[in-house]
């Protein structure tokens, strides 16, 4: 059951499937094609009767730094993340954007819908789209000093999986998404966002302990318990929330402030644009349109 991937590694380790995001030179930033490969790797594990548990991590010093802004923000002109008006003056098409982003959302959610339990092992960073990937897993274990959050909530993004609400509850989710702050693994565990945080030195061993404990349980038992618990959450309206979140994600990237961020990334580079976004000063001052009253 060998298969070659461009953006990740897939390995069997007894009853455990290990998926490793493999763009360490870019902090495992999400490139075109990576979401589809994640879903395919999850599918391989589900098709394999030897596998009971899936562990997902990132190569090198980070889990994932989110979508690769060098590809989607810094690159000039049209791309998958930003539709500029064309020569005929036609505006961006929200359904083209939705079709692309909702495909990614469904691919990330393959981790949630997998019949085999999934564990995210997070070191370094799981930010922006990288947090979407991690939070779709059944369990998340972080290094105490790792960072998680969704900074694009400040401008140029909305978390399409909407997992913040389902993991944290509304008030704590608002605290994260109305600021775009990053928190440490320890803070995330204390808040209830992730299962637990351990020292960097203990991270591999702790995740293996959990995976091996689950690997001893029959596959049908794992599947039934997970399906029951997933349905409890999904009946809260998860699918509808994700549809709205994915539409809003496209709007954030094509709002006046979103287009400002894209222009800054093109002119100054995405790293400087991110510093301007996250620095604490008012974002896109003078760009925002007035609020319309009806």
Protein backbone atom coordinates (compact mmCIF):
# COMPACT_ATOMS: atom_id res chain seq x y z
CA UNK A 1 0.00 0.00 0.00
CA UNK A 2 2.75 2.42 -0.96
CA UNK A 3 1.91 5.83 -2.34
CA UNK A 4 4.09 8.83 -3.10
CA UNK A 5 3.13 12.27 -1.79
CA UNK A 6 4.60 15.65 -2.65
CA UNK A 7 3.84 17.51 0.57
CA UNK A 8 3.76 14.84 3.28
CA UNK A 9 5.12 11.51 4.41
CA UNK A 10 2.97 8.45 5.18
CA UNK A 11 4.37 5.61 7.27
CA UNK A 12 3.02 2.51 9.00
CA UNK A 13 4.29 1.73 12.48
CA UNK A 14 2.52 -1.41 13.62
CA UNK A 15 -1.09 -0.41 14.27
CA UNK A 16 -0.29 3.31 13.99
CA UNK A 17 -0.29 5.34 10.76
CA UNK A 18 2.03 8.36 10.92
CA UNK A 19 1.32 11.33 8.64
CA UNK A 20 4.01 14.03 8.60
CA UNK A 21 3.51 17.37 6.85
CA UNK A 22 6.79 17.68 4.99
CA UNK A 23 7.67 21.24 3.99
CA UNK A 24 10.04 21.99 6.88
CA UNK A 25 11.83 24.80 5.02
CA UNK A 26 8.47 26.66 4.90
CA UNK A 27 7.39 25.60 8.43
CA UNK A 28 5.03 23.14 6.73
CA UNK A 29 2.94 25.98 5.30
CA UNK A 30 -0.08 24.80 3.34
CA UNK A 31 0.61 24.67 -0.40
CA UNK A 32 -1.84 23.90 -3.18
CA UNK A 33 -2.41 20.17 -3.12
CA UNK A 34 -1.50 19.60 0.53
CA UNK A 35 -5.12 19.45 1.82
CA UNK A 36 -5.98 16.82 -0.81
CA UNK A 37 -2.91 14.80 0.17
CA UNK A 38 -3.92 14.90 3.84
CA UNK A 39 -7.34 13.51 2.94
CA UNK A 40 -5.78 10.81 0.75
CA UNK A 41 -3.39 9.76 3.52
CA UNK A 42 -6.32 9.53 5.97
CA UNK A 43 -8.16 7.45 3.38
CA UNK A 44 -5.18 5.07 3.08
CA UNK A 45 -5.16 4.58 6.85
CA UNK A 46 -8.89 3.91 6.91
CA UNK A 47 -8.59 1.36 4.12
CA UNK A 48 -5.86 -0.55 5.99
CA UNK A 49 -7.21 -3.10 8.46
CA UNK A 50 -3.85 -3.16 10.24
CA UNK A 51 -4.20 0.49 11.28
CA UNK A 52 -6.10 1.49 14.42
CA UNK A 53 -4.84 5.04 15.08
CA UNK A 54 -3.47 7.97 13.03
CA UNK A 55 -0.84 10.41 14.34
CA UNK A 56 -0.40 13.67 12.44
CA UNK A 57 2.59 15.97 12.91
CA UNK A 58 4.93 18.29 11.05
CA UNK A 59 8.53 17.80 9.98
CA UNK A 60 11.17 20.01 11.57
CA UNK A 61 10.42 22.73 14.08
CA UNK A 62 6.72 23.41 13.41
CA UNK A 63 3.41 21.66 12.93
CA UNK A 64 2.18 24.15 10.31
CA UNK A 65 2.44 27.91 9.86
CA UNK A 66 -0.84 28.05 7.93
CA UNK A 67 -1.42 28.85 4.28
CA UNK A 68 1.75 29.82 2.46
CA UNK A 69 1.35 33.58 2.21
CA UNK A 70 4.34 33.77 -0.11
CA UNK A 71 2.20 31.89 -2.63
CA UNK A 72 -1.21 33.36 -1.85
CA UNK A 73 -0.59 36.90 -0.57
CA UNK A 74 2.80 38.03 -1.81
CA UNK A 75 2.40 36.78 -5.38
CA UNK A 76 1.10 39.57 -7.59
CA UNK A 77 -2.24 39.37 -9.36
CA UNK A 78 -4.82 36.62 -9.36
CA UNK A 79 -4.24 33.37 -7.52
CA UNK A 80 -6.34 30.88 -5.57
CA UNK A 81 -6.44 33.13 -2.51
CA UNK A 82 -7.18 36.47 -4.18
CA UNK A 83 -9.17 37.32 -7.30
CA UNK A 84 -8.34 40.78 -8.65
CA UNK A 85 -10.86 42.45 -10.94
CA UNK A 86 -10.12 41.44 -14.52
CA UNK A 87 -9.65 43.64 -17.58
CA UNK A 88 -13.41 43.82 -18.11
CA UNK A 89 -13.94 45.07 -14.56
CA UNK A 90 -15.75 41.95 -13.37
CA UNK A 91 -15.55 41.58 -9.58
CA UNK A 92 -14.44 38.51 -7.70
CA UNK A 93 -16.79 35.54 -7.81
CA UNK A 94 -17.53 34.37 -4.24
CA UNK A 95 -18.65 30.95 -5.42
CA UNK A 96 -15.35 30.30 -7.22
CA UNK A 97 -13.59 31.11 -3.97
CA UNK A 98 -16.03 29.02 -1.92
CA UNK A 99 -15.61 26.02 -4.23
CA UNK A 100 -11.85 26.11 -3.72
CA UNK A 101 -11.83 26.78 0.03
CA UNK A 102 -14.67 24.42 0.94
CA UNK A 103 -12.78 21.62 -0.81
CA UNK A 104 -9.87 22.35 1.55
CA UNK A 105 -12.23 22.47 4.53
CA UNK A 106 -13.62 19.04 3.62
CA UNK A 107 -10.09 17.68 3.20
CA UNK A 108 -9.09 18.94 6.67
CA UNK A 109 -12.29 17.47 8.07
CA UNK A 110 -11.22 14.03 6.82
CA UNK A 111 -9.28 13.92 10.09
CA UNK A 112 -12.51 14.48 12.05
CA UNK A 113 -14.54 12.02 9.94
CA UNK A 114 -11.85 9.34 9.87
CA UNK A 115 -13.12 6.08 11.33
CA UNK A 116 -9.71 5.68 12.95
CA UNK A 117 -8.91 8.09 15.83
CA UNK A 118 -6.58 10.96 14.95
CA UNK A 119 -4.02 12.63 17.20
CA UNK A 120 -2.25 15.90 16.34
CA UNK A 121 1.26 16.25 17.76
CA UNK A 122 2.13 19.95 17.80
CA UNK A 123 5.52 21.53 18.29
CA UNK A 124 6.58 24.99 17.19
CA UNK A 125 3.53 26.56 15.59
CA UNK A 126 0.01 25.51 14.61
CA UNK A 127 -1.30 28.84 13.41
CA UNK A 128 -3.93 30.11 10.94
CA UNK A 129 -4.77 27.26 8.55
CA UNK A 130 -2.37 25.08 10.53
CA UNK A 131 -4.65 25.43 13.54
CA UNK A 132 -7.57 24.34 11.33
CA UNK A 133 -5.71 21.12 10.56
CA UNK A 134 -4.73 20.40 14.16
CA UNK A 135 -8.16 21.17 15.61
CA UNK A 136 -9.86 18.76 13.19
CA UNK A 137 -8.06 15.91 14.93
CA UNK A 138 -9.77 14.04 17.76
CA UNK A 139 -7.00 14.80 20.23
CA UNK A 140 -4.35 17.52 20.20
CA UNK A 141 -1.20 17.27 22.31
CA UNK A 142 1.14 20.27 22.26
CA UNK A 143 4.59 21.12 23.51
CA UNK A 144 4.18 23.56 26.37
CA UNK A 145 6.03 26.29 24.50
CA UNK A 146 4.37 25.69 21.11
CA UNK A 147 2.01 28.38 19.81
CA UNK A 148 -1.52 28.10 18.45
CA UNK A 149 -3.94 30.75 17.22
CA UNK A 150 -5.61 32.32 14.20
CA UNK A 151 -3.94 35.71 13.48
CA UNK A 152 -5.74 36.11 10.10
CA UNK A 153 -8.89 36.77 12.14
CA UNK A 154 -7.43 40.30 12.37
CA UNK A 155 -7.56 40.64 8.58
CA UNK A 156 -7.52 38.25 5.60
CA UNK A 157 -9.11 35.19 7.10
CA UNK A 158 -11.85 33.33 8.98
CA UNK A 159 -11.25 29.78 10.26
CA UNK A 160 -13.20 27.68 7.79
CA UNK A 161 -13.52 24.61 10.02
CA UNK A 162 -14.98 26.74 12.87
CA UNK A 163 -13.53 24.27 15.37
CA UNK A 164 -12.78 27.05 17.87
CA UNK A 165 -16.46 27.31 18.84
CA UNK A 166 -16.93 23.57 19.24
CA UNK A 167 -13.77 23.03 21.25
CA UNK A 168 -13.82 26.15 23.43
CA UNK A 169 -17.39 27.40 23.66
CA UNK A 170 -18.48 30.77 22.34
CA UNK A 171 -16.92 33.18 24.85
CA UNK A 172 -13.41 31.73 24.79
CA UNK A 173 -13.60 31.33 21.01
CA UNK A 174 -14.48 35.03 20.77
CA UNK A 175 -11.53 35.87 22.99
CA UNK A 176 -9.24 34.15 20.45
CA UNK A 177 -10.84 35.25 17.18
CA UNK A 178 -11.63 38.85 18.11
CA UNK A 179 -7.93 39.39 18.90
CA UNK A 180 -6.08 36.98 16.64
CA UNK A 181 -3.73 36.30 19.55
CA UNK A 182 -1.41 33.32 19.79
CA UNK A 183 -1.30 31.30 22.99
CA UNK A 184 1.15 28.69 24.24
CA UNK A 185 0.44 25.00 24.45
CA UNK A 186 0.17 25.32 28.22
CA UNK A 187 -2.38 28.14 27.90
CA UNK A 188 -4.30 26.15 25.27
CA UNK A 189 -4.50 23.13 27.57
CA UNK A 190 -5.55 25.27 30.55
CA UNK A 191 -8.24 26.87 28.37
CA UNK A 192 -9.52 23.47 27.22
CA UNK A 193 -8.66 23.99 23.55
CA UNK A 194 -6.33 20.98 23.44
CA UNK A 195 -6.10 17.78 25.45
CA UNK A 196 -2.81 18.51 27.16
CA UNK A 197 0.59 20.18 26.94
CA UNK A 198 3.86 18.53 27.89
CA UNK A 199 7.51 19.49 27.71
CA UNK A 200 9.13 19.38 24.29
CA UNK A 201 11.26 16.46 25.53
CA UNK A 202 8.13 14.47 26.49
CA UNK A 203 6.01 15.26 23.44
CA UNK A 204 6.88 12.27 21.25
CA UNK A 205 6.66 9.80 24.13
CA UNK A 206 3.33 11.15 25.40
CA UNK A 207 1.68 11.00 21.97
CA UNK A 208 2.99 7.47 21.48
CA UNK A 209 1.57 6.46 24.87
CA UNK A 210 -1.89 7.65 23.84
CA UNK A 211 -1.67 6.15 20.34
CA UNK A 212 -0.48 2.77 21.61
CA UNK A 213 -3.20 2.68 24.28
CA UNK A 214 -5.87 3.24 21.61
CA UNK A 215 -4.17 0.83 19.21
CA UNK A 216 -4.98 -2.00 21.60
CA UNK A 217 -8.73 -1.38 21.26
CA UNK A 218 -10.65 -3.20 18.48
CA UNK A 219 -11.27 -1.08 15.39
CA UNK A 220 -15.04 -1.46 15.63
CA UNK A 221 -15.06 -0.16 19.20
CA UNK A 222 -12.97 2.87 18.25
CA UNK A 223 -15.26 3.56 15.30
CA UNK A 224 -18.48 3.33 17.31
CA UNK A 225 -17.29 5.58 20.14
CA UNK A 226 -15.98 8.19 17.70
CA UNK A 227 -19.10 8.17 15.53
CA UNK A 228 -21.34 8.62 18.56
CA UNK A 229 -19.35 11.56 19.92
CA UNK A 230 -18.94 13.20 16.49
CA UNK A 231 -22.69 13.07 15.86
CA UNK A 232 -23.33 14.86 19.15
CA UNK A 233 -21.18 17.77 17.94
CA UNK A 234 -22.42 17.72 14.34
CA UNK A 235 -26.03 18.01 15.48
CA UNK A 236 -25.12 21.42 16.89
CA UNK A 237 -24.99 22.68 13.30
CA UNK A 238 -21.33 22.21 12.44
CA UNK A 239 -21.86 21.78 8.69
CA UNK A 240 -23.88 25.00 8.40
CA UNK A 241 -21.36 26.89 10.51
CA UNK A 242 -18.51 25.69 8.30
CA UNK A 243 -20.34 26.78 5.16
CA UNK A 244 -20.81 30.30 6.58
CA UNK A 245 -17.21 30.42 7.87
CA UNK A 246 -15.84 29.42 4.47
CA UNK A 247 -17.91 32.09 2.71
CA UNK A 248 -16.75 34.68 5.25
CA UNK A 249 -13.14 33.60 4.72
CA UNK A 250 -13.45 34.56 1.04
CA UNK A 251 -15.09 37.85 1.93
CA UNK A 252 -12.30 38.75 4.37
CA UNK A 253 -9.74 38.34 1.61
CA UNK A 254 -11.71 40.59 -0.78
CA UNK A 255 -12.93 43.28 1.62
CA UNK A 256 -11.31 46.75 1.38
CA UNK A 257 -9.04 45.83 4.31
CA UNK A 258 -8.31 42.42 2.81
CA UNK A 259 -7.26 43.98 -0.49
CA UNK A 260 -5.09 46.44 1.47
CA UNK A 261 -3.32 43.50 3.14
CA UNK A 262 -2.77 41.85 -0.26
CA UNK A 263 -1.29 45.09 -1.64
CA UNK A 264 1.02 45.41 1.38
CA UNK A 265 2.17 41.80 0.91
CA UNK A 266 2.88 42.43 -2.77
CA UNK A 267 4.73 45.69 -2.14
CA UNK A 268 6.59 44.96 1.11
CA UNK A 269 6.58 41.17 1.30
CA UNK A 270 4.26 38.99 3.33
CA UNK A 271 6.43 39.06 6.46
CA UNK A 272 6.22 42.86 6.72
CA UNK A 273 2.49 42.73 5.92
CA UNK A 274 1.98 40.24 8.74
CA UNK A 275 3.92 42.49 11.14
CA UNK A 276 1.60 45.38 10.21
CA UNK A 277 -1.45 43.14 10.70
CA UNK A 278 -0.35 41.77 14.06
CA UNK A 279 1.49 44.77 15.51
CA UNK A 280 -1.43 46.17 17.51
CA UNK A 281 -1.87 49.45 15.62
CA UNK A 282 -5.15 50.09 13.77
CA UNK A 283 -5.30 47.97 10.63
CA UNK A 284 -5.71 49.62 7.21
CA UNK A 285 -6.44 53.00 8.75
CA UNK A 286 -8.39 55.17 6.32
CA UNK A 287 -9.29 52.19 4.12
CA UNK A 288 -12.42 50.95 5.90
CA UNK A 289 -15.70 52.05 4.41
CA UNK A 290 -18.33 53.70 6.62
CA UNK A 291 -20.99 51.53 8.21
CA UNK A 292 -24.22 51.76 6.30
CA UNK A 293 -27.38 52.37 8.31
CA UNK A 294 -30.75 51.32 7.05
